[in-house]
Amino acid sequence: MSALILPAMVLYGFLGHLWDWDQGRVDHRVGYLLQKTINEDRLALESEPANPERYLKLARSHAAGGQYEQAVIVMEQLLARATPQAAWLGLQASYLYYRDGRAFGEDARARVEQALSLDNTDVTTRMLLANQAYLIGHYAEAIGHWQVLLASHRDDVNRTAIGNAIARAEARLPDAS
């Protein structure tokens, strides 16, 4: 039995990750199916460069693969070609936020301000702000953003999910105990 264990341990020591098993690494490679989608979206954009939906689809595909820098670039191209819309600015702010390691840099803050100046109830922007506030423990701030969405009477708001999120945040408020 030990004749099998020792060679297996030696082999694992050379080929495995015995010493750094707990060190996470980001794999920046994109799966071939997602890369296929990105390539198709890029070709579709090249065939219809005046169609804003083509830009949005390509940016979303890049983001789905964790390629936030490319998603930001595609959104910049869209915003340079067409009149900015709050949803587009909020989407780009989200990509900037994730590109920067879940941190609000100056670029992301500027896009958020632009989006909210165009539409104070933009779902993408408010959800980004609410989720970020919740993640850093600013529950009252998160609740405020979600309540703006609930009060907006927009059709593209998942009221049940937001109600559940508000309940979770309220339960975490310091004076809720």
N, C-alpha and C. Protein backbone atom coordinates (compact mmCIF):
# COMPACT_ATOMS: atom_id res chain seq x y z
N MET A 1 0.82 -1.19 0.00
CA MET A 1 0.00 0.00 0.00
C MET A 1 0.87 1.26 0.00
N SER A 2 1.89 1.28 0.89
CA SER A 2 2.77 2.46 0.94
C SER A 2 3.59 2.57 -0.34
N ALA A 3 3.74 1.48 -1.05
CA ALA A 3 4.46 1.52 -2.32
C ALA A 3 3.69 2.35 -3.35
N LEU A 4 2.40 2.46 -3.19
CA LEU A 4 1.59 3.26 -4.11
C LEU A 4 1.45 4.70 -3.64
N ILE A 5 1.43 4.89 -2.34
CA ILE A 5 1.21 6.23 -1.79
C ILE A 5 2.42 7.14 -2.04
N LEU A 6 3.62 6.66 -1.78
CA LEU A 6 4.82 7.48 -1.93
C LEU A 6 5.01 7.96 -3.36
N PRO A 7 4.92 7.10 -4.37
CA PRO A 7 5.06 7.62 -5.75
C PRO A 7 3.95 8.60 -6.10
N ALA A 8 2.74 8.36 -5.61
CA ALA A 8 1.64 9.28 -5.89
C ALA A 8 1.91 10.65 -5.27
N MET A 9 2.44 10.68 -4.06
CA MET A 9 2.76 11.94 -3.39
C MET A 9 3.87 12.68 -4.13
N VAL A 10 4.88 11.96 -4.57
CA VAL A 10 5.99 12.58 -5.30
C VAL A 10 5.47 13.15 -6.62
N LEU A 11 4.67 12.39 -7.32
CA LEU A 11 4.12 12.85 -8.59
C LEU A 11 3.25 14.09 -8.37
N TYR A 12 2.41 14.06 -7.33
CA TYR A 12 1.57 15.21 -7.03
C TYR A 12 2.43 16.42 -6.66
N GLY A 13 3.51 16.19 -5.94
CA GLY A 13 4.40 17.28 -5.57
C GLY A 13 4.99 17.98 -6.77
N PHE A 14 5.25 17.24 -7.83
CA PHE A 14 5.81 17.85 -9.04
C PHE A 14 4.73 18.42 -9.96
N LEU A 15 3.62 17.75 -10.07
CA LEU A 15 2.59 18.16 -11.02
C LEU A 15 1.45 18.94 -10.36
N GLY A 16 1.20 18.68 -9.12
CA GLY A 16 0.08 19.31 -8.42
C GLY A 16 0.47 20.64 -7.82
N HIS A 17 -0.37 21.11 -6.98
CA HIS A 17 -0.15 22.40 -6.31
C HIS A 17 -0.18 22.18 -4.81
N LEU A 18 0.75 21.42 -4.33
CA LEU A 18 0.77 21.06 -2.93
C LEU A 18 0.95 22.28 -2.02
N TRP A 19 1.83 23.20 -2.39
CA TRP A 19 2.16 24.32 -1.51
C TRP A 19 1.27 25.53 -1.74
N ASP A 20 0.72 25.66 -2.90
CA ASP A 20 -0.08 26.86 -3.17
C ASP A 20 -1.52 26.51 -3.54
N TRP A 21 -2.03 25.47 -2.96
CA TRP A 21 -3.39 25.03 -3.25
C TRP A 21 -4.43 26.08 -2.88
N ASP A 22 -4.12 26.95 -1.93
CA ASP A 22 -5.09 27.94 -1.46
C ASP A 22 -4.93 29.30 -2.13
N GLN A 23 -4.09 29.39 -3.13
CA GLN A 23 -3.86 30.64 -3.83
C GLN A 23 -4.75 30.70 -5.07
N GLY A 24 -5.73 31.57 -5.05
CA GLY A 24 -6.63 31.69 -6.20
C GLY A 24 -5.96 32.45 -7.32
N ARG A 25 -6.26 32.06 -8.52
CA ARG A 25 -5.74 32.74 -9.71
C ARG A 25 -6.91 33.03 -10.64
N VAL A 26 -6.88 34.21 -11.22
CA VAL A 26 -7.92 34.58 -12.17
C VAL A 26 -7.52 34.04 -13.54
N ASP A 27 -8.43 33.34 -14.16
CA ASP A 27 -8.20 32.84 -15.51
C ASP A 27 -8.84 33.83 -16.47
N HIS A 28 -8.02 34.58 -17.19
CA HIS A 28 -8.53 35.61 -18.08
C HIS A 28 -8.94 35.07 -19.44
N ARG A 29 -8.74 33.79 -19.63
CA ARG A 29 -9.14 33.21 -20.91
C ARG A 29 -10.67 33.08 -20.95
N VAL A 30 -11.20 33.24 -22.11
CA VAL A 30 -12.64 33.14 -22.30
C VAL A 30 -12.92 31.81 -22.98
N GLY A 31 -13.96 31.14 -22.54
CA GLY A 31 -14.35 29.88 -23.15
C GLY A 31 -14.62 30.04 -24.64
N TYR A 32 -14.44 28.98 -25.37
CA TYR A 32 -14.56 29.09 -26.82
C TYR A 32 -15.98 29.43 -27.27
N LEU A 33 -16.99 29.00 -26.53
CA LEU A 33 -18.36 29.35 -26.92
C LEU A 33 -18.63 30.84 -26.71
N LEU A 34 -18.13 31.38 -25.60
CA LEU A 34 -18.30 32.81 -25.35
C LEU A 34 -17.47 33.60 -26.35
N GLN A 35 -16.28 33.13 -26.66
CA GLN A 35 -15.45 33.82 -27.65
C GLN A 35 -16.14 33.81 -29.01
N LYS A 36 -16.81 32.72 -29.32
CA LYS A 36 -17.57 32.64 -30.57
C LYS A 36 -18.67 33.70 -30.58
N THR A 37 -19.36 33.86 -29.45
CA THR A 37 -20.41 34.87 -29.35
C THR A 37 -19.83 36.27 -29.50
N ILE A 38 -18.69 36.52 -28.86
CA ILE A 38 -18.04 37.83 -28.98
C ILE A 38 -17.67 38.10 -30.43
N ASN A 39 -17.12 37.11 -31.10
CA ASN A 39 -16.74 37.28 -32.51
C ASN A 39 -17.97 37.54 -33.38
N GLU A 40 -19.04 36.80 -33.14
CA GLU A 40 -20.28 37.02 -33.89
C GLU A 40 -20.83 38.41 -33.63
N ASP A 41 -20.81 38.84 -32.37
CA ASP A 41 -21.31 40.17 -32.03
C ASP A 41 -20.45 41.26 -32.67
N ARG A 42 -19.16 41.04 -32.73
CA ARG A 42 -18.26 42.01 -33.36
C ARG A 42 -18.55 42.11 -34.87
N LEU A 43 -18.75 40.96 -35.52
CA LEU A 43 -19.08 40.96 -36.95
C LEU A 43 -20.43 41.64 -37.20
N ALA A 44 -21.39 41.38 -36.32
CA ALA A 44 -22.70 42.01 -36.45
C ALA A 44 -22.58 43.52 -36.30
N LEU A 45 -21.76 43.97 -35.38
CA LEU A 45 -21.54 45.40 -35.19
C LEU A 45 -20.88 46.01 -36.43
N GLU A 46 -19.90 45.31 -36.98
CA GLU A 46 -19.23 45.81 -38.19
C GLU A 46 -20.20 45.92 -39.36
N SER A 47 -21.19 45.02 -39.41
CA SER A 47 -22.16 45.07 -40.51
C SER A 47 -23.24 46.14 -40.29
N GLU A 48 -23.46 46.52 -39.02
CA GLU A 48 -24.46 47.54 -38.69
C GLU A 48 -23.90 48.52 -37.66
N PRO A 49 -22.92 49.32 -38.03
CA PRO A 49 -22.29 50.21 -37.03
C PRO A 49 -23.19 51.33 -36.52
N ALA A 50 -24.32 51.57 -37.15
CA ALA A 50 -25.22 52.62 -36.69
C ALA A 50 -26.26 52.08 -35.71
N ASN A 51 -26.27 50.78 -35.45
CA ASN A 51 -27.26 50.17 -34.58
C ASN A 51 -26.74 50.10 -33.14
N PRO A 52 -27.30 50.90 -32.24
CA PRO A 52 -26.82 50.90 -30.84
C PRO A 52 -26.95 49.54 -30.16
N GLU A 53 -27.95 48.76 -30.53
CA GLU A 53 -28.13 47.44 -29.92
C GLU A 53 -26.94 46.53 -30.19
N ARG A 54 -26.29 46.70 -31.31
CA ARG A 54 -25.11 45.88 -31.63
C ARG A 54 -23.96 46.20 -30.66
N TYR A 55 -23.80 47.47 -30.34
CA TYR A 55 -22.78 47.87 -29.37
C TYR A 55 -23.09 47.28 -27.99
N LEU A 56 -24.35 47.41 -27.59
CA LEU A 56 -24.76 46.91 -26.27
C LEU A 56 -24.55 45.40 -26.17
N LYS A 57 -24.90 44.69 -27.22
CA LYS A 57 -24.76 43.23 -27.20
C LYS A 57 -23.29 42.84 -27.12
N LEU A 58 -22.43 43.51 -27.88
CA LEU A 58 -21.00 43.21 -27.83
C LEU A 58 -20.43 43.55 -26.46
N ALA A 59 -20.80 44.68 -25.90
CA ALA A 59 -20.32 45.06 -24.57
C ALA A 59 -20.75 44.04 -23.52
N ARG A 60 -22.00 43.61 -23.60
CA ARG A 60 -22.49 42.61 -22.64
C ARG A 60 -21.76 41.27 -22.79
N SER A 61 -21.44 40.91 -24.02
CA SER A 61 -20.70 39.66 -24.25
C SER A 61 -19.30 39.75 -23.65
N HIS A 62 -18.65 40.88 -23.85
CA HIS A 62 -17.32 41.07 -23.24
C HIS A 62 -17.43 40.98 -21.71
N ALA A 63 -18.43 41.64 -21.16
CA ALA A 63 -18.61 41.62 -19.70
C ALA A 63 -18.89 40.21 -19.19
N ALA A 64 -19.66 39.45 -19.94
CA ALA A 64 -19.97 38.07 -19.54
C ALA A 64 -18.70 37.24 -19.44
N GLY A 65 -17.70 37.60 -20.23
CA GLY A 65 -16.42 36.90 -20.18
C GLY A 65 -15.42 37.55 -19.24
N GLY A 66 -15.86 38.54 -18.47
CA GLY A 66 -14.97 39.21 -17.54
C GLY A 66 -14.03 40.19 -18.22
N GLN A 67 -14.29 40.51 -19.46
CA GLN A 67 -13.45 41.44 -20.22
C GLN A 67 -14.02 42.85 -20.10
N TYR A 68 -13.93 43.39 -18.89
CA TYR A 68 -14.56 44.67 -18.61
C TYR A 68 -13.89 45.83 -19.33
N GLU A 69 -12.60 45.76 -19.52
CA GLU A 69 -11.90 46.82 -20.26
C GLU A 69 -12.45 46.91 -21.68
N GLN A 70 -12.62 45.77 -22.34
CA GLN A 70 -13.17 45.78 -23.69
C GLN A 70 -14.62 46.26 -23.69
N ALA A 71 -15.38 45.88 -22.66
CA ALA A 71 -16.76 46.33 -22.56
C ALA A 71 -16.82 47.86 -22.42
N VAL A 72 -15.92 48.41 -21.63
CA VAL A 72 -15.85 49.87 -21.46
C VAL A 72 -15.53 50.54 -22.79
N ILE A 73 -14.60 49.98 -23.54
CA ILE A 73 -14.21 50.56 -24.83
C ILE A 73 -15.39 50.55 -25.80
N VAL A 74 -16.11 49.45 -25.85
CA VAL A 74 -17.28 49.36 -26.74
C VAL A 74 -18.33 50.39 -26.33
N MET A 75 -18.54 50.55 -25.02
CA MET A 75 -19.52 51.54 -24.56
C MET A 75 -19.05 52.96 -24.91
N GLU A 76 -17.77 53.22 -24.82
CA GLU A 76 -17.23 54.53 -25.22
C GLU A 76 -17.52 54.80 -26.69
N GLN A 77 -17.35 53.78 -27.51
CA GLN A 77 -17.63 53.93 -28.94
C GLN A 77 -19.10 54.25 -29.17
N LEU A 78 -19.97 53.55 -28.45
CA LEU A 78 -21.41 53.80 -28.57
C LEU A 78 -21.74 55.23 -28.14
N LEU A 79 -21.22 55.63 -27.00
CA LEU A 79 -21.54 56.96 -26.47
C LEU A 79 -20.97 58.07 -27.35
N ALA A 80 -19.90 57.78 -28.09
CA ALA A 80 -19.35 58.78 -29.02
C ALA A 80 -20.20 58.90 -30.28
N ARG A 81 -20.93 57.84 -30.62
CA ARG A 81 -21.71 57.82 -31.87
C ARG A 81 -23.15 58.28 -31.69
N ALA A 82 -23.70 58.08 -30.50
CA ALA A 82 -25.12 58.34 -30.29
C ALA A 82 -25.33 59.22 -29.07
N THR A 83 -26.51 59.81 -28.99
CA THR A 83 -26.85 60.62 -27.82
C THR A 83 -26.89 59.72 -26.60
N PRO A 84 -26.12 60.05 -25.57
CA PRO A 84 -26.08 59.20 -24.37
C PRO A 84 -27.44 59.02 -23.72
N GLN A 85 -27.70 57.82 -23.29
CA GLN A 85 -28.91 57.50 -22.54
C GLN A 85 -28.48 57.07 -21.14
N ALA A 86 -29.34 57.31 -20.18
CA ALA A 86 -29.01 56.99 -18.79
C ALA A 86 -28.66 55.52 -18.62
N ALA A 87 -29.41 54.64 -19.26
CA ALA A 87 -29.14 53.20 -19.12
C ALA A 87 -27.76 52.84 -19.65
N TRP A 88 -27.35 53.48 -20.74
CA TRP A 88 -26.02 53.19 -21.31
C TRP A 88 -24.93 53.69 -20.38
N LEU A 89 -25.13 54.88 -19.84
CA LEU A 89 -24.14 55.44 -18.91
C LEU A 89 -24.05 54.59 -17.65
N GLY A 90 -25.18 54.12 -17.15
CA GLY A 90 -25.19 53.25 -15.98
C GLY A 90 -24.50 51.93 -16.26
N LEU A 91 -24.72 51.40 -17.45
CA LEU A 91 -24.07 50.15 -17.84
C LEU A 91 -22.56 50.35 -17.92
N GLN A 92 -22.13 51.45 -18.51
CA GLN A 92 -20.70 51.70 -18.57
C GLN A 92 -20.12 51.92 -17.18
N ALA A 93 -20.85 52.58 -16.31
CA ALA A 93 -20.39 52.76 -14.93
C ALA A 93 -20.20 51.40 -14.25
N SER A 94 -21.12 50.48 -14.52
CA SER A 94 -20.98 49.13 -13.96
C SER A 94 -19.72 48.45 -14.47
N TYR A 95 -19.46 48.56 -15.76
CA TYR A 95 -18.26 47.93 -16.33
C TYR A 95 -16.99 48.57 -15.77
N LEU A 96 -17.01 49.88 -15.58
CA LEU A 96 -15.86 50.57 -14.97
C LEU A 96 -15.66 50.09 -13.54
N TYR A 97 -16.75 49.95 -12.81
CA TYR A 97 -16.72 49.50 -11.42
C TYR A 97 -16.08 48.11 -11.31
N TYR A 98 -16.52 47.19 -12.16
CA TYR A 98 -15.96 45.83 -12.12
C TYR A 98 -14.55 45.78 -12.69
N ARG A 99 -14.27 46.59 -13.70
CA ARG A 99 -12.91 46.66 -14.24
C ARG A 99 -11.91 47.09 -13.17
N ASP A 100 -12.36 48.01 -12.32
CA ASP A 100 -11.49 48.56 -11.29
C ASP A 100 -11.54 47.76 -9.98
N GLY A 101 -11.96 46.52 -10.06
CA GLY A 101 -11.96 45.66 -8.88
C GLY A 101 -13.02 46.02 -7.86
N ARG A 102 -14.22 46.32 -8.33
CA ARG A 102 -15.35 46.71 -7.46
C ARG A 102 -15.03 47.96 -6.64
N ALA A 103 -14.48 48.93 -7.33
CA ALA A 103 -14.17 50.22 -6.71
C ALA A 103 -14.72 51.33 -7.61
N PHE A 104 -15.26 52.35 -6.98
CA PHE A 104 -15.76 53.49 -7.74
C PHE A 104 -14.62 54.48 -7.98
N GLY A 105 -14.07 54.45 -9.17
CA GLY A 105 -13.07 55.42 -9.57
C GLY A 105 -13.76 56.68 -10.06
N GLU A 106 -12.95 57.65 -10.45
CA GLU A 106 -13.50 58.92 -10.93
C GLU A 106 -14.36 58.73 -12.17
N ASP A 107 -13.92 57.86 -13.08
CA ASP A 107 -14.67 57.63 -14.31
C ASP A 107 -16.04 57.05 -14.01
N ALA A 108 -16.10 56.06 -13.15
CA ALA A 108 -17.38 55.43 -12.81
C ALA A 108 -18.30 56.44 -12.12
N ARG A 109 -17.74 57.22 -11.21
CA ARG A 109 -18.57 58.23 -10.51
C ARG A 109 -19.13 59.25 -11.49
N ALA A 110 -18.30 59.66 -12.45
CA ALA A 110 -18.76 60.63 -13.45
C ALA A 110 -19.90 60.06 -14.28
N ARG A 111 -19.79 58.80 -14.67
CA ARG A 111 -20.85 58.15 -15.46
C ARG A 111 -22.13 58.01 -14.63
N VAL A 112 -21.99 57.69 -13.35
CA VAL A 112 -23.16 57.59 -12.48
C VAL A 112 -23.85 58.95 -12.38
N GLU A 113 -23.08 59.99 -12.18
CA GLU A 113 -23.67 61.33 -12.08
C GLU A 113 -24.37 61.73 -13.37
N GLN A 114 -23.73 61.43 -14.51
CA GLN A 114 -24.35 61.72 -15.80
C GLN A 114 -25.66 60.96 -15.96
N ALA A 115 -25.64 59.67 -15.64
CA ALA A 115 -26.83 58.83 -15.79
C ALA A 115 -27.97 59.36 -14.93
N LEU A 116 -27.68 59.66 -13.67
CA LEU A 116 -28.74 60.13 -12.76
C LEU A 116 -29.23 61.52 -13.13
N SER A 117 -28.37 62.33 -13.78
CA SER A 117 -28.84 63.65 -14.22
C SER A 117 -29.82 63.51 -15.39
N LEU A 118 -29.66 62.45 -16.19
CA LEU A 118 -30.58 62.20 -17.29
C LEU A 118 -31.86 61.50 -16.82
N ASP A 119 -31.71 60.57 -15.87
CA ASP A 119 -32.85 59.80 -15.36
C ASP A 119 -32.52 59.37 -13.93
N ASN A 120 -33.11 60.05 -12.97
CA ASN A 120 -32.83 59.79 -11.56
C ASN A 120 -33.28 58.39 -11.13
N THR A 121 -34.09 57.74 -11.93
CA THR A 121 -34.59 56.41 -11.58
C THR A 121 -34.04 55.32 -12.49
N ASP A 122 -32.92 55.57 -13.14
CA ASP A 122 -32.34 54.56 -14.02
C ASP A 122 -32.04 53.29 -13.22
N VAL A 123 -32.58 52.19 -13.67
CA VAL A 123 -32.48 50.93 -12.93
C VAL A 123 -31.04 50.45 -12.82
N THR A 124 -30.32 50.45 -13.93
CA THR A 124 -28.94 49.95 -13.91
C THR A 124 -28.08 50.74 -12.93
N THR A 125 -28.20 52.05 -12.97
CA THR A 125 -27.38 52.90 -12.11
C THR A 125 -27.78 52.74 -10.65
N ARG A 126 -29.08 52.77 -10.37
CA ARG A 126 -29.54 52.65 -8.98
C ARG A 126 -29.20 51.28 -8.40
N MET A 127 -29.30 50.23 -9.21
CA MET A 127 -28.95 48.89 -8.72
C MET A 127 -27.46 48.79 -8.43
N LEU A 128 -26.65 49.39 -9.28
CA LEU A 128 -25.21 49.41 -9.03
C LEU A 128 -24.91 50.11 -7.70
N LEU A 129 -25.51 51.27 -7.50
CA LEU A 129 -25.27 52.03 -6.26
C LEU A 129 -25.80 51.27 -5.04
N ALA A 130 -26.97 50.68 -5.17
CA ALA A 130 -27.55 49.95 -4.04
C ALA A 130 -26.71 48.72 -3.69
N ASN A 131 -26.33 47.97 -4.70
CA ASN A 131 -25.53 46.76 -4.44
C ASN A 131 -24.17 47.09 -3.84
N GLN A 132 -23.56 48.14 -4.34
CA GLN A 132 -22.25 48.54 -3.80
C GLN A 132 -22.40 49.00 -2.36
N ALA A 133 -23.43 49.78 -2.07
CA ALA A 133 -23.65 50.24 -0.69
C ALA A 133 -23.91 49.06 0.23
N TYR A 134 -24.69 48.11 -0.23
CA TYR A 134 -25.00 46.93 0.58
C TYR A 134 -23.73 46.13 0.87
N LEU A 135 -22.90 45.95 -0.14
CA LEU A 135 -21.68 45.15 0.03
C LEU A 135 -20.70 45.76 1.02
N ILE A 136 -20.70 47.08 1.13
CA ILE A 136 -19.77 47.71 2.07
C ILE A 136 -20.44 48.02 3.42
N GLY A 137 -21.67 47.55 3.59
CA GLY A 137 -22.33 47.69 4.88
C GLY A 137 -23.09 48.98 5.09
N HIS A 138 -23.32 49.75 4.05
CA HIS A 138 -24.10 50.98 4.14
C HIS A 138 -25.56 50.65 3.78
N TYR A 139 -26.21 49.95 4.70
CA TYR A 139 -27.53 49.39 4.43
C TYR A 139 -28.60 50.46 4.24
N ALA A 140 -28.55 51.52 5.00
CA ALA A 140 -29.55 52.58 4.85
C ALA A 140 -29.43 53.24 3.48
N GLU A 141 -28.21 53.42 3.01
CA GLU A 141 -27.99 54.00 1.68
C GLU A 141 -28.53 53.05 0.60
N ALA A 142 -28.27 51.77 0.75
CA ALA A 142 -28.76 50.78 -0.21
C ALA A 142 -30.29 50.81 -0.24
N ILE A 143 -30.90 50.84 0.93
CA ILE A 143 -32.36 50.89 1.02
C ILE A 143 -32.89 52.13 0.31
N GLY A 144 -32.21 53.24 0.48
CA GLY A 144 -32.62 54.48 -0.19
C GLY A 144 -32.64 54.34 -1.70
N HIS A 145 -31.60 53.73 -2.27
CA HIS A 145 -31.56 53.54 -3.72
C HIS A 145 -32.68 52.60 -4.18
N TRP A 146 -32.91 51.53 -3.44
CA TRP A 146 -33.97 50.60 -3.81
C TRP A 146 -35.34 51.25 -3.70
N GLN A 147 -35.52 52.10 -2.69
CA GLN A 147 -36.82 52.77 -2.53
C GLN A 147 -37.09 53.75 -3.66
N VAL A 148 -36.04 54.38 -4.18
CA VAL A 148 -36.21 55.25 -5.35
C VAL A 148 -36.77 54.44 -6.51
N LEU A 149 -36.24 53.23 -6.69
CA LEU A 149 -36.73 52.37 -7.78
C LEU A 149 -38.18 51.94 -7.55
N LEU A 150 -38.51 51.58 -6.32
CA LEU A 150 -39.89 51.17 -6.03
C LEU A 150 -40.87 52.32 -6.24
N ALA A 151 -40.46 53.53 -5.90
CA ALA A 151 -41.33 54.69 -6.05
C ALA A 151 -41.46 55.15 -7.50
N SER A 152 -40.59 54.65 -8.36
CA SER A 152 -40.56 55.13 -9.74
C SER A 152 -41.70 54.60 -10.60
N HIS A 153 -42.33 53.53 -10.20
CA HIS A 153 -43.42 52.91 -10.97
C HIS A 153 -42.98 52.48 -12.37
N ARG A 154 -41.72 52.12 -12.48
CA ARG A 154 -41.19 51.64 -13.76
C ARG A 154 -41.59 50.18 -13.96
N ASP A 155 -41.73 49.80 -15.20
CA ASP A 155 -42.10 48.42 -15.52
C ASP A 155 -40.91 47.47 -15.46
N ASP A 156 -39.70 47.99 -15.59
CA ASP A 156 -38.52 47.13 -15.65
C ASP A 156 -37.86 46.93 -14.27
N VAL A 157 -38.65 47.08 -13.22
CA VAL A 157 -38.16 46.90 -11.85
C VAL A 157 -38.77 45.63 -11.27
N ASN A 158 -37.93 44.75 -10.77
CA ASN A 158 -38.40 43.52 -10.11
C ASN A 158 -38.72 43.88 -8.67
N ARG A 159 -39.96 44.23 -8.42
CA ARG A 159 -40.38 44.72 -7.11
C ARG A 159 -40.25 43.68 -6.01
N THR A 160 -40.48 42.43 -6.34
CA THR A 160 -40.36 41.37 -5.35
C THR A 160 -38.92 41.23 -4.89
N ALA A 161 -37.99 41.19 -5.84
CA ALA A 161 -36.58 41.05 -5.50
C ALA A 161 -36.08 42.25 -4.71
N ILE A 162 -36.51 43.44 -5.09
CA ILE A 162 -36.09 44.64 -4.36
C ILE A 162 -36.70 44.65 -2.96
N GLY A 163 -37.94 44.24 -2.84
CA GLY A 163 -38.56 44.14 -1.51
C GLY A 163 -37.81 43.18 -0.61
N ASN A 164 -37.38 42.04 -1.17
CA ASN A 164 -36.59 41.08 -0.39
C ASN A 164 -35.23 41.67 -0.01
N ALA A 165 -34.62 42.39 -0.93
CA ALA A 165 -33.32 43.01 -0.63
C ALA A 165 -33.46 44.06 0.47
N ILE A 166 -34.52 44.83 0.41
CA ILE A 166 -34.76 45.84 1.45
C ILE A 166 -34.95 45.16 2.81
N ALA A 167 -35.71 44.07 2.83
CA ALA A 167 -35.93 43.35 4.09
C ALA A 167 -34.61 42.82 4.66
N ARG A 168 -33.75 42.29 3.80
CA ARG A 168 -32.44 41.80 4.27
C ARG A 168 -31.59 42.95 4.80
N ALA A 169 -31.62 44.07 4.09
CA ALA A 169 -30.83 45.22 4.53
C ALA A 169 -31.37 45.79 5.84
N GLU A 170 -32.68 45.86 5.98
CA GLU A 170 -33.27 46.37 7.22
C GLU A 170 -32.91 45.47 8.40
N ALA A 171 -32.83 44.17 8.16
CA ALA A 171 -32.47 43.24 9.23
C ALA A 171 -31.02 43.44 9.68
N ARG A 172 -30.21 44.01 8.81
CA ARG A 172 -28.80 44.24 9.15
C ARG A 172 -28.52 45.63 9.72
N LEU A 173 -29.53 46.49 9.72
CA LEU A 173 -29.33 47.82 10.28
C LEU A 173 -28.99 47.69 11.77
N PRO A 174 -28.10 48.53 12.27
CA PRO A 174 -27.68 48.41 13.67
C PRO A 174 -28.81 48.46 14.68
N ASP A 175 -29.81 49.28 14.46
CA ASP A 175 -30.89 49.40 15.45
C ASP A 175 -32.04 48.43 15.17
N ALA A 176 -31.86 47.49 14.24
CA ALA A 176 -32.91 46.51 13.93
C ALA A 176 -32.91 45.36 14.92
N SER A 177 -31.90 45.24 15.77
CA SER A 177 -31.81 44.09 16.68
C SER A 177 -32.79 44.17 17.80
